[in-house]
Amino acid sequence: MNTKHIYKAAFLITGIISLAACRKDLLVTVPTDRISTGIYWKTDVDATNAANAVYTYMDGVNLVFWDGLSDIGHFNTTGAAFAPIDQGVADAQNGEFAAQYTTCYKGINAVNNFMANVDRITVTNATLVNSRRGEVRALRAYFYLKLAGWFGAVPLVTSNITIDEGTQLTRTDVATIYDYIGKELDTAATLLPNTQTDKGRITKGAALALKARAMLYAGRYTEAAAAAKAVMDLNVYSLYPAYKQLFTYAAENNSEVIMDKQFVKDIYSNNIFSSMAAASLASSVAQVVPTKQGADEFEMANGKAITDPASGFDPYHPYDNRDPRLHYSIYTPGDTLVNGKVYNPIPGSGTADAIGGGNLYATTTGYNVRKYINPEDLSAPGNSGINIIIIRYPEVLLTYAEAKIELNQLDQSVYDAINQVRARPDVNMPPIAAGQSQAQLRAAVRHERTVELEFEGLHTFDIRRWKTAETIYPGPIKGITYVKGGVLTTVVNSSFIRSFNPQRDYLWPIPQQEIILNKNLVQNPNW
């Protein structure tokens, strides 16, 4: 995708698509500094520019933040809107709830406006315009998938509506939302090409991969497996050989990237480096850091869990002989940072990363996120141009495997899908042995999703749909284990206690501002 041109146009066109907003707090007045809809919607270029604007509502750095709301991550700062959610003390006025809800509906409104106006243009390239239709419909489904995952039942708005109509909306049951998502993505897939000349645009594979994710989340395993298999059968995607390089500039747009958000330094940049980097790399807050649970999930190189007595795990050298993805995903003590320094967060070490050393930017667990941290961003940490990946091919393989396992269809294709992910050349983990039970394979695929996709924004949704959050999530935050005075000591942040109420927290509340604006919206239970 020619990002420089797309995002310059997108900021302008966002002004146009905002004119049809359905909520009082989004619709203010017709702006005098933007293009009028009366002189727009004339050419194919207008359709492209309007579609480009929808892409701005896609997720970026916040994907990493979401894993801070799971057992594998922790919000390193207590002032953010995420911290009260993490501690189970948030209410319906929390800013993150409102931000997610509002951003999704802004994106949906942009799509609805596109669909209401695109037929007004004089089409000279029907293939291109149909592709743009498919792109925005897939994105609308993506926004609804997030809404369903966070909030459950939400208003289903598929066309432009008036302000008064917006205040009369009711919540559509979540099963109907998933019905709509599936149909929209099926339609989008018929309109989209297998590949796009502009990198970053939605493709047929992206629409099908989104459907696989949505149907997995909905528990519709037959549909999930079929959609995932359809992606596999396109023969467009393959595993990139080096996991270590996946999140670098050199590997952007590689063979396993199905959907991402594109960025360009100085033009449309992100702040993932300044938000995630270790203190020794940048004078900024590492907002999300891995936990002991996140690090311990990685097996030994022999394929055994570190809790297995036969694994060979050495608590005095806990990061040796581990699944290589541990060091590709997380900075652990002794690792080399991208500036050449040795990462040493041990309390009392005197480094910028030392736990409890007085540096406000330092990790509180002794771990830092490694993904997306690149030397090209050292000189301007807040001006990163690295693309943020939303869907990778391994997720599709693991979705296929998980869906088949839940259907109890334990054929060779299940083992092949999981083992293909484990066999990546620079990972090379032992294959899952044949002949396992449904319960054993369920545990295996859940483990594989956790370690393969750590800090890519999926795990917090996973533990909620698996209904395991209430058992693995609550309690104090634990970090590294190190030797102190000859004794193994584990970092425990006892001042930050996580809580998860299973009668309430599997769904977020409808934001309070929405309840005030529309009395027909019924709040989720116990909020």
Protein backbone atom coordinates (compact mmCIF):
# COMPACT_ATOMS: atom_id res chain seq x y z
CA MET A 1 0.00 0.00 0.00
CA ASN A 2 1.30 3.48 -0.89
CA THR A 3 0.89 4.61 2.70
CA LYS A 4 2.11 8.16 2.17
CA HIS A 5 -0.71 8.87 -0.28
CA ILE A 6 -3.33 6.81 1.51
CA TYR A 7 -3.06 8.47 4.88
CA LYS A 8 -2.76 11.99 3.51
CA ALA A 9 -6.06 11.34 1.72
CA ALA A 10 -7.56 9.53 4.66
CA PHE A 11 -7.36 12.49 7.02
CA LEU A 12 -9.21 14.63 4.49
CA ILE A 13 -11.85 12.05 3.65
CA THR A 14 -12.51 11.32 7.32
CA GLY A 15 -14.13 14.74 7.38
CA ILE A 16 -16.55 13.64 4.68
CA ILE A 17 -17.57 10.35 6.22
CA SER A 18 -18.18 11.99 9.57
CA LEU A 19 -21.13 13.92 8.14
CA ALA A 20 -23.46 10.95 8.45
CA ALA A 21 -22.68 10.14 12.08
CA CYS A 22 -25.60 8.74 14.03
CA ARG A 23 -24.77 9.90 17.56
CA LYS A 24 -25.16 13.34 19.05
CA ASP A 25 -21.65 13.42 20.47
CA LEU A 26 -20.15 12.52 17.08
CA LEU A 27 -22.26 14.81 14.90
CA VAL A 28 -21.54 18.45 15.66
CA THR A 29 -21.84 20.75 12.62
CA VAL A 30 -21.04 20.60 8.94
CA PRO A 31 -17.39 21.67 8.80
CA THR A 32 -16.35 24.55 6.57
CA ASP A 33 -12.79 23.33 6.06
CA ARG A 34 -13.54 19.95 4.45
CA ILE A 35 -14.84 18.62 1.16
CA SER A 36 -18.63 18.69 0.80
CA THR A 37 -20.40 15.45 -0.08
CA GLY A 38 -22.13 17.45 -2.80
CA ILE A 39 -18.94 17.66 -4.85
CA TYR A 40 -17.53 14.30 -3.84
CA TRP A 41 -18.40 10.76 -4.96
CA LYS A 42 -17.68 11.37 -8.63
CA THR A 43 -14.83 9.04 -9.64
CA ASP A 44 -13.05 5.79 -8.83
CA VAL A 45 -10.42 7.87 -7.03
CA ASP A 46 -13.10 9.15 -4.66
CA ALA A 47 -14.08 5.57 -3.84
CA THR A 48 -10.46 4.68 -3.17
CA ASN A 49 -9.87 7.69 -0.94
CA ALA A 50 -13.04 7.03 1.05
CA ALA A 51 -12.04 3.38 1.50
CA ASN A 52 -8.58 4.52 2.61
CA ALA A 53 -10.14 6.56 5.40
CA VAL A 54 -11.72 3.44 6.88
CA TYR A 55 -8.28 1.88 7.34
CA THR A 56 -7.37 4.56 9.89
CA TYR A 57 -9.77 2.96 12.39
CA MET A 58 -7.87 -0.34 12.37
CA ASP A 59 -5.92 -1.31 15.47
CA GLY A 60 -2.24 -0.58 15.87
CA VAL A 61 -0.11 -0.33 19.02
CA ASN A 62 -3.15 -0.98 21.21
CA LEU A 63 -3.06 -4.64 20.15
CA VAL A 64 -0.06 -5.14 22.41
CA PHE A 65 -1.87 -3.35 25.23
CA TRP A 66 -4.71 -5.87 25.15
CA ASP A 67 -2.43 -8.70 26.25
CA GLY A 68 -1.74 -6.63 29.35
CA LEU A 69 -5.28 -7.60 30.34
CA SER A 70 -4.37 -11.28 30.39
CA ASP A 71 -2.22 -13.54 32.53
CA ILE A 72 0.83 -13.13 30.24
CA GLY A 73 1.12 -9.34 30.52
CA HIS A 74 0.88 -6.50 33.01
CA PHE A 75 0.35 -2.76 32.76
CA ASN A 76 3.55 -1.26 34.03
CA THR A 77 1.89 2.06 34.91
CA THR A 78 -1.09 2.52 37.20
CA GLY A 79 -2.36 5.81 35.81
CA ALA A 80 -3.71 4.43 32.54
CA ALA A 81 -7.35 3.51 31.95
CA PHE A 82 -6.27 -0.13 31.65
CA ALA A 83 -5.04 -0.44 35.26
CA PRO A 84 -8.51 -0.31 36.90
CA ILE A 85 -9.71 -2.94 34.41
CA ASP A 86 -6.69 -5.07 35.32
CA GLN A 87 -7.53 -4.74 39.02
CA GLY A 88 -11.24 -5.39 38.58
CA VAL A 89 -12.25 -1.95 39.91
CA ALA A 90 -13.23 -0.22 36.67
CA ASP A 91 -16.75 1.07 36.12
CA ALA A 92 -18.77 1.88 33.00
CA GLN A 93 -17.19 5.35 32.83
CA ASN A 94 -13.72 3.95 32.18
CA GLY A 95 -12.07 5.66 29.21
CA GLU A 96 -10.84 2.47 27.53
CA PHE A 97 -14.34 1.02 27.34
CA ALA A 98 -15.55 4.23 25.70
CA ALA A 99 -12.54 4.45 23.36
CA GLN A 100 -13.00 0.95 21.97
CA TYR A 101 -16.76 1.31 21.56
CA THR A 102 -16.57 4.74 19.93
CA THR A 103 -13.70 3.92 17.57
CA CYS A 104 -15.48 0.82 16.30
CA TYR A 105 -18.66 2.74 15.59
CA LYS A 106 -16.75 5.54 13.89
CA GLY A 107 -15.27 2.92 11.60
CA ILE A 108 -18.69 1.32 11.04
CA ASN A 109 -20.17 4.73 10.26
CA ALA A 110 -17.40 5.35 7.72
CA VAL A 111 -18.25 2.09 5.98
CA ASN A 112 -21.99 2.74 6.06
CA ASN A 113 -21.40 6.13 4.46
CA PHE A 114 -19.17 4.58 1.81
CA MET A 115 -21.83 2.01 0.94
CA ALA A 116 -24.54 4.67 0.84
CA ASN A 117 -22.62 6.82 -1.65
CA VAL A 118 -20.36 4.62 -3.75
CA ASP A 119 -23.06 3.98 -6.36
CA ARG A 120 -23.05 7.71 -7.15
CA ILE A 121 -19.64 7.58 -8.81
CA THR A 122 -19.01 7.11 -12.51
CA VAL A 123 -17.21 3.77 -12.56
CA THR A 124 -14.32 3.37 -14.99
CA ASN A 125 -12.67 0.40 -13.28
CA ALA A 126 -15.33 -1.96 -11.93
CA THR A 127 -12.76 -4.44 -10.58
CA LEU A 128 -11.11 -1.74 -8.49
CA VAL A 129 -14.37 -0.35 -7.13
CA ASN A 130 -15.64 -3.82 -6.27
CA SER A 131 -12.41 -4.46 -4.42
CA ARG A 132 -12.92 -1.28 -2.42
CA ARG A 133 -16.44 -2.44 -1.59
CA GLY A 134 -15.04 -5.73 -0.35
CA GLU A 135 -12.33 -4.03 1.68
CA VAL A 136 -14.68 -1.79 3.61
CA ARG A 137 -17.24 -4.54 4.19
CA ALA A 138 -14.52 -6.76 5.63
CA LEU A 139 -13.40 -3.91 7.86
CA ARG A 140 -16.98 -3.34 9.06
CA ALA A 141 -17.11 -7.01 10.02
CA TYR A 142 -13.77 -6.59 11.81
CA PHE A 143 -15.16 -3.71 13.88
CA TYR A 144 -18.24 -5.73 14.80
CA LEU A 145 -16.07 -8.70 15.74
CA LYS A 146 -14.24 -6.54 18.26
CA LEU A 147 -17.50 -5.14 19.62
CA ALA A 148 -18.93 -8.64 20.04
CA GLY A 149 -15.75 -9.81 21.75
CA TRP A 150 -15.62 -6.93 24.20
CA PHE A 151 -19.29 -6.11 24.82
CA GLY A 152 -21.40 -9.02 23.56
CA ALA A 153 -24.72 -7.79 22.20
CA VAL A 154 -24.43 -4.35 20.58
CA PRO A 155 -26.56 -2.24 18.21
CA LEU A 156 -26.29 -3.55 14.65
CA VAL A 157 -26.16 -0.52 12.36
CA THR A 158 -25.67 -1.31 8.69
CA SER A 159 -26.74 1.93 7.01
CA ASN A 160 -26.72 5.66 7.61
CA ILE A 161 -29.24 6.75 10.23
CA THR A 162 -30.43 10.03 11.68
CA ILE A 163 -29.60 11.37 15.11
CA ASP A 164 -33.08 10.51 16.37
CA GLU A 165 -32.80 7.00 15.01
CA GLY A 166 -29.47 6.65 16.74
CA THR A 167 -31.03 7.42 20.12
CA GLN A 168 -33.62 4.66 19.60
CA LEU A 169 -31.21 1.81 18.90
CA THR A 170 -31.40 -1.39 20.92
CA ARG A 171 -28.81 -4.10 21.40
CA THR A 172 -28.83 -6.93 18.86
CA ASP A 173 -28.18 -10.36 20.35
CA VAL A 174 -24.63 -11.53 19.86
CA ALA A 175 -25.60 -14.59 17.81
CA THR A 176 -27.17 -12.30 15.21
CA ILE A 177 -24.04 -10.13 15.26
CA TYR A 178 -21.94 -13.20 14.45
CA ASP A 179 -24.43 -14.19 11.71
CA TYR A 180 -23.93 -10.77 10.17
CA ILE A 181 -20.13 -10.90 10.48
CA GLY A 182 -20.00 -14.27 8.72
CA LYS A 183 -22.24 -13.17 5.85
CA GLU A 184 -20.40 -9.88 5.38
CA LEU A 185 -17.05 -11.64 5.19
CA ASP A 186 -18.41 -14.20 2.73
CA THR A 187 -19.61 -11.36 0.51
CA ALA A 188 -16.36 -9.45 0.89
CA ALA A 189 -14.36 -12.53 -0.08
CA THR A 190 -16.23 -12.77 -3.39
CA LEU A 191 -15.31 -9.16 -4.20
CA LEU A 192 -11.66 -9.27 -3.20
CA PRO A 193 -8.57 -10.46 -5.08
CA ASN A 194 -6.10 -12.97 -3.68
CA THR A 195 -3.39 -10.31 -3.68
CA GLN A 196 -3.37 -6.53 -3.84
CA THR A 197 -0.88 -4.32 -5.65
CA ASP A 198 -1.02 -1.88 -2.74
CA LYS A 199 0.41 -3.68 0.27
CA GLY A 200 -1.79 -3.47 3.33
CA ARG A 201 -5.14 -3.59 1.57
CA ILE A 202 -7.64 -6.24 2.60
CA THR A 203 -7.51 -9.35 0.41
CA LYS A 204 -9.70 -12.42 -0.02
CA GLY A 205 -7.41 -14.23 2.41
CA ALA A 206 -7.85 -11.50 5.02
CA ALA A 207 -11.65 -11.69 4.76
CA LEU A 208 -11.58 -15.49 5.11
CA ALA A 209 -9.07 -15.34 7.99
CA LEU A 210 -11.30 -12.83 9.78
CA LYS A 211 -14.22 -15.20 9.32
CA ALA A 212 -12.18 -18.07 10.75
CA ARG A 213 -11.35 -15.94 13.80
CA ALA A 214 -14.95 -14.78 14.21
CA MET A 215 -16.44 -18.24 13.96
CA LEU A 216 -13.88 -19.61 16.42
CA TYR A 217 -14.81 -16.87 18.88
CA ALA A 218 -18.50 -17.67 18.32
CA GLY A 219 -17.94 -21.37 18.98
CA ARG A 220 -19.07 -22.23 15.45
CA TYR A 221 -16.29 -24.70 14.87
CA THR A 222 -17.43 -26.22 11.59
CA GLU A 223 -17.53 -22.78 10.00
CA ALA A 224 -14.23 -21.78 11.63
CA ALA A 225 -12.44 -24.85 10.30
CA ALA A 226 -13.90 -24.36 6.82
CA ALA A 227 -12.89 -20.70 6.64
CA ALA A 228 -9.38 -21.47 7.88
CA LYS A 229 -9.06 -24.30 5.36
CA ALA A 230 -10.17 -21.92 2.61
CA VAL A 231 -7.28 -19.62 3.50
CA MET A 232 -4.87 -22.53 3.49
CA ASP A 233 -6.16 -23.70 0.11
CA LEU A 234 -5.50 -20.30 -1.48
CA ASN A 235 -1.79 -21.23 -1.47
CA VAL A 236 -0.96 -17.55 -1.04
CA TYR A 237 0.52 -17.66 2.47
CA SER A 238 3.36 -19.60 4.03
CA LEU A 239 5.40 -19.44 7.20
CA TYR A 240 8.27 -16.98 7.08
CA PRO A 241 11.41 -19.00 7.88
CA ALA A 242 12.73 -16.73 10.65
CA TYR A 243 10.46 -16.00 13.62
CA LYS A 244 13.24 -13.83 15.01
CA GLN A 245 12.86 -11.42 12.09
CA LEU A 246 9.05 -11.38 11.86
CA PHE A 247 8.58 -8.03 13.58
CA THR A 248 11.44 -6.15 11.90
CA TYR A 249 11.45 -3.65 9.06
CA ALA A 250 13.25 -6.15 6.83
CA ALA A 251 10.39 -8.64 7.12
CA GLU A 252 7.48 -6.27 6.50
CA ASN A 253 4.85 -7.64 4.08
CA ASN A 254 6.38 -11.10 4.36
CA SER A 255 4.73 -14.35 3.24
CA GLU A 256 2.70 -14.94 6.41
CA VAL A 257 1.26 -11.45 6.92
CA ILE A 258 -2.44 -11.64 6.05
CA MET A 259 -3.64 -8.35 7.53
CA ASP A 260 -1.73 -5.47 9.07
CA LYS A 261 -1.85 -1.75 9.66
CA GLN A 262 0.78 0.06 7.64
CA PHE A 263 2.87 2.93 8.98
CA VAL A 264 5.53 5.25 7.57
CA LYS A 265 7.99 7.31 9.60
CA ASP A 266 7.26 11.07 9.53
CA ILE A 267 4.05 10.54 7.52
CA TYR A 268 1.87 8.19 9.56
CA SER A 269 3.99 6.85 12.40
CA ASN A 270 3.30 4.96 15.60
CA ASN A 271 4.85 5.03 19.07
CA ILE A 272 5.28 1.32 19.73
CA PHE A 273 8.99 1.70 20.48
CA SER A 274 8.49 4.51 22.98
CA SER A 275 5.53 2.64 24.52
CA MET A 276 7.13 -0.79 24.85
CA ALA A 277 10.93 -0.53 24.84
CA ALA A 278 13.08 -1.36 27.84
CA ALA A 279 14.29 1.64 29.84
CA SER A 280 17.86 1.05 28.62
CA LEU A 281 16.61 1.72 25.10
CA ALA A 282 14.40 4.79 25.51
CA SER A 283 13.40 7.30 28.15
CA SER A 284 9.77 6.32 27.95
CA VAL A 285 7.43 4.10 29.88
CA ALA A 286 7.22 0.44 28.94
CA GLN A 287 3.46 0.44 29.33
CA VAL A 288 2.98 -3.32 29.05
CA VAL A 289 5.49 -5.89 30.33
CA PRO A 290 5.44 -9.69 30.32
CA THR A 291 4.76 -11.64 33.51
CA LYS A 292 6.26 -14.80 34.96
CA GLN A 293 3.22 -16.70 33.62
CA GLY A 294 3.94 -15.39 30.14
CA ALA A 295 7.60 -16.42 30.28
CA ASP A 296 6.97 -19.77 31.96
CA GLU A 297 4.53 -20.81 29.21
CA PHE A 298 7.46 -21.39 26.82
CA GLU A 299 8.57 -25.02 26.90
CA MET A 300 12.07 -26.37 27.12
CA ALA A 301 13.70 -27.03 23.74
CA ASN A 302 12.90 -30.72 24.20
CA GLY A 303 9.18 -29.89 24.09
CA LYS A 304 8.47 -30.48 27.78
CA ALA A 305 6.91 -27.91 30.12
CA ILE A 306 9.33 -26.42 32.64
CA THR A 307 7.20 -27.96 35.42
CA ASP A 308 7.83 -31.45 34.05
CA PRO A 309 10.55 -33.17 36.16
CA ALA A 310 11.91 -34.72 32.96
CA SER A 311 12.28 -31.36 31.20
CA GLY A 312 15.80 -30.61 32.45
CA PHE A 313 14.78 -27.13 33.59
CA ASP A 314 17.43 -25.44 35.74
CA PRO A 315 15.94 -22.70 37.97
CA TYR A 316 19.41 -21.16 38.31
CA HIS A 317 19.63 -20.81 34.52
CA PRO A 318 15.93 -20.50 33.72
CA TYR A 319 16.25 -19.11 30.19
CA ASP A 320 18.67 -21.66 28.77
CA ASN A 321 17.53 -24.38 26.36
CA ARG A 322 14.04 -22.97 25.96
CA ASP A 323 11.66 -22.68 23.01
CA PRO A 324 13.50 -20.07 20.89
CA ARG A 325 10.33 -18.00 20.65
CA LEU A 326 10.86 -17.00 24.28
CA HIS A 327 13.88 -14.87 23.38
CA TYR A 328 12.32 -13.68 20.12
CA SER A 329 9.23 -12.42 21.97
CA ILE A 330 10.48 -11.32 25.40
CA TYR A 331 13.61 -9.72 26.79
CA THR A 332 14.87 -11.90 29.65
CA PRO A 333 17.85 -11.20 31.93
CA GLY A 334 21.10 -11.59 29.99
CA ASP A 335 19.62 -10.93 26.54
CA THR A 336 21.28 -8.41 24.24
CA LEU A 337 19.17 -5.32 23.51
CA VAL A 338 18.97 -3.78 20.05
CA ASN A 339 21.46 -1.08 21.14
CA GLY A 340 24.04 -3.72 22.06
CA LYS A 341 23.63 -3.44 25.83
CA VAL A 342 22.99 -6.46 28.03
CA TYR A 343 19.54 -6.46 29.57
CA ASN A 344 19.89 -6.65 33.35
CA PRO A 345 16.73 -5.92 35.35
CA ILE A 346 17.92 -7.71 38.49
CA PRO A 347 17.15 -5.61 41.61
CA GLY A 348 20.29 -3.81 42.75
CA SER A 349 22.05 -4.16 39.37
CA GLY A 350 22.26 -0.38 39.00
CA THR A 351 21.06 -0.44 35.40
CA ALA A 352 18.24 1.66 33.99
CA ASP A 353 16.17 -1.53 33.86
CA ALA A 354 16.69 -2.58 37.48
CA ILE A 355 13.45 -3.44 39.29
CA GLY A 356 12.93 -1.04 42.19
CA GLY A 357 15.94 1.02 41.19
CA GLY A 358 14.05 4.30 41.14
CA ASN A 359 13.71 4.55 37.36
CA LEU A 360 10.06 5.23 36.61
CA TYR A 361 10.52 3.78 33.13
CA ALA A 362 11.84 0.40 34.27
CA THR A 363 9.97 -2.88 34.10
CA THR A 364 8.25 -4.01 37.29
CA THR A 365 8.49 -7.71 36.41
CA GLY A 366 12.02 -8.02 35.04
CA TYR A 367 10.77 -8.70 31.51
CA ASN A 368 10.16 -6.45 28.51
CA VAL A 369 8.41 -7.01 25.20
CA ARG A 370 10.83 -7.80 22.35
CA LYS A 371 8.44 -7.80 19.38
CA TYR A 372 8.51 -4.63 17.24
CA ILE A 373 11.56 -3.22 19.08
CA ASN A 374 14.03 -2.35 16.31
CA PRO A 375 17.35 -0.44 16.14
CA GLU A 376 15.97 1.80 13.36
CA ASP A 377 13.77 3.49 15.99
CA LEU A 378 16.47 4.23 18.56
CA SER A 379 17.06 7.80 17.35
CA ALA A 380 13.36 8.79 17.32
CA PRO A 381 11.46 6.41 19.61
CA GLY A 382 8.08 8.04 19.07
CA ASN A 383 8.36 8.03 15.28
CA SER A 384 8.24 4.35 14.37
CA GLY A 385 7.23 3.26 10.90
CA ILE A 386 6.99 -0.47 11.63
CA ASN A 387 3.78 -2.11 10.42
CA ILE A 388 1.59 -3.68 13.13
CA ILE A 389 0.41 -7.17 12.23
CA ILE A 390 -3.26 -8.02 12.86
CA ILE A 391 -3.44 -11.54 11.38
CA ARG A 392 -0.59 -13.93 10.62
CA TYR A 393 -0.85 -17.27 8.83
CA PRO A 394 0.04 -19.29 11.97
CA GLU A 395 -3.15 -18.02 13.60
CA VAL A 396 -5.12 -19.52 10.70
CA LEU A 397 -3.35 -22.88 11.08
CA LEU A 398 -4.00 -22.93 14.82
CA THR A 399 -7.62 -21.84 14.34
CA TYR A 400 -8.10 -24.75 11.96
CA ALA A 401 -6.53 -27.15 14.48
CA GLU A 402 -8.51 -25.82 17.44
CA ALA A 403 -11.82 -25.93 15.59
CA LYS A 404 -11.20 -29.53 14.48
CA ILE A 405 -10.22 -30.50 18.04
CA GLU A 406 -13.41 -29.00 19.46
CA LEU A 407 -15.36 -30.97 16.85
CA ASN A 408 -13.43 -34.07 18.00
CA GLN A 409 -12.21 -34.60 14.46
CA LEU A 410 -8.72 -35.65 15.48
CA ASP A 411 -7.27 -36.52 12.11
CA GLN A 412 -3.74 -36.06 10.79
CA SER A 413 -4.53 -32.56 9.51
CA VAL A 414 -4.80 -31.35 13.11
CA TYR A 415 -1.30 -32.57 13.96
CA ASP A 416 0.04 -31.21 10.67
CA ALA A 417 -1.33 -27.72 11.34
CA ILE A 418 0.13 -27.47 14.85
CA ASN A 419 3.43 -29.08 13.92
CA GLN A 420 3.86 -26.82 10.91
CA VAL A 421 3.94 -23.86 13.30
CA ARG A 422 6.36 -25.61 15.65
CA ALA A 423 8.66 -26.67 12.80
CA ARG A 424 9.55 -23.17 11.59
CA PRO A 425 13.32 -23.37 10.86
CA ASP A 426 14.50 -21.04 13.61
CA VAL A 427 11.98 -22.46 16.12
CA ASN A 428 12.33 -26.18 15.40
CA MET A 429 10.33 -27.44 18.38
CA PRO A 430 9.57 -31.19 18.57
CA PRO A 431 6.32 -32.22 16.88
CA ILE A 432 3.19 -33.02 18.84
CA ALA A 433 3.11 -36.80 19.13
CA ALA A 434 0.29 -38.70 17.42
CA GLY A 435 -2.47 -40.56 19.23
CA GLN A 436 -3.44 -37.91 21.76
CA SER A 437 -6.87 -37.43 23.29
CA GLN A 438 -9.13 -34.47 22.63
CA ALA A 439 -8.22 -33.00 26.04
CA GLN A 440 -4.51 -33.39 25.37
CA LEU A 441 -4.75 -31.79 21.94
CA ARG A 442 -6.90 -28.98 23.33
CA ALA A 443 -4.16 -28.18 25.84
CA ALA A 444 -1.52 -28.41 23.10
CA VAL A 445 -3.22 -25.99 20.71
CA ARG A 446 -4.00 -23.52 23.49
CA HIS A 447 -0.37 -23.57 24.52
CA GLU A 448 0.74 -23.09 20.94
CA ARG A 449 -1.57 -20.09 20.44
CA THR A 450 -0.22 -18.53 23.62
CA VAL A 451 3.48 -18.76 22.78
CA GLU A 452 3.24 -18.21 19.02
CA LEU A 453 1.01 -15.14 19.30
CA GLU A 454 2.19 -13.55 22.57
CA PHE A 455 1.67 -9.77 22.62
CA GLU A 456 -0.28 -9.69 19.38
CA GLY A 457 -3.61 -8.83 21.02
CA LEU A 458 -5.30 -12.24 20.92
CA HIS A 459 -4.63 -13.85 24.28
CA THR A 460 -7.00 -11.70 26.30
CA PHE A 461 -9.83 -12.76 23.94
CA ASP A 462 -8.67 -16.38 24.15
CA ILE A 463 -8.80 -16.71 27.93
CA ARG A 464 -12.25 -15.17 27.90
CA ARG A 465 -13.69 -17.48 25.26
CA TRP A 466 -11.97 -20.45 26.93
CA LYS A 467 -13.53 -19.32 30.22
CA THR A 468 -10.17 -19.75 31.98
CA ALA A 469 -9.64 -16.11 32.96
CA GLU A 470 -11.16 -16.54 36.41
CA THR A 471 -8.64 -19.23 37.36
CA ILE A 472 -5.40 -18.04 35.71
CA TYR A 473 -5.74 -14.27 35.79
CA PRO A 474 -6.37 -13.04 39.38
CA GLY A 475 -3.77 -12.46 42.07
CA PRO A 476 -0.52 -10.52 42.52
CA ILE A 477 1.79 -9.87 39.58
CA LYS A 478 4.84 -12.13 39.49
CA GLY A 479 8.07 -11.52 37.61
CA ILE A 480 11.54 -12.96 37.26
CA THR A 481 13.12 -15.46 39.63
CA TYR A 482 16.74 -14.59 40.49
CA VAL A 483 19.40 -15.52 43.02
CA LYS A 484 19.53 -13.24 46.05
CA GLY A 485 22.02 -14.14 48.77
CA GLY A 486 22.28 -17.64 47.36
CA VAL A 487 18.50 -18.12 47.51
CA LEU A 488 16.10 -18.23 44.57
CA THR A 489 13.77 -15.23 44.88
CA THR A 490 10.74 -14.40 42.75
CA VAL A 491 9.67 -10.81 42.17
CA VAL A 492 6.13 -10.30 43.42
CA ASN A 493 4.26 -7.01 43.10
CA SER A 494 1.92 -7.49 46.04
CA SER A 495 0.69 -3.90 45.80
CA PHE A 496 -1.05 -4.64 42.49
CA ILE A 497 -3.64 -7.37 42.86
CA ARG A 498 -5.61 -8.49 39.86
CA SER A 499 -9.24 -9.43 40.22
CA PHE A 500 -11.69 -11.12 37.85
CA ASN A 501 -15.38 -11.54 38.60
CA PRO A 502 -16.74 -14.34 36.36
CA GLN A 503 -20.31 -13.06 36.87
CA ARG A 504 -19.30 -9.72 35.33
CA ASP A 505 -15.90 -9.48 33.68
CA TYR A 506 -16.24 -11.79 30.70
CA LEU A 507 -17.94 -8.84 29.05
CA TRP A 508 -17.11 -5.16 29.27
CA PRO A 509 -19.89 -2.72 30.15
CA ILE A 510 -21.64 -0.60 27.57
CA PRO A 511 -19.95 2.80 28.17
CA GLN A 512 -21.93 5.01 30.50
CA GLN A 513 -22.04 7.87 28.01
CA GLU A 514 -23.90 5.59 25.59
CA ILE A 515 -26.44 4.63 28.23
CA ILE A 516 -27.04 8.32 28.93
CA LEU A 517 -27.48 9.14 25.24
CA ASN A 518 -29.78 6.20 24.57
CA LYS A 519 -32.09 4.94 27.31
CA ASN A 520 -32.92 1.85 25.21
CA LEU A 521 -29.46 0.37 25.78
CA VAL A 522 -29.53 -2.18 28.60
CA GLN A 523 -26.32 -2.56 30.59
CA ASN A 524 -24.39 -5.85 30.82
CA PRO A 525 -24.96 -7.86 34.03
CA ASN A 526 -23.43 -6.65 37.29
CA TRP A 527 -21.97 -3.42 35.90
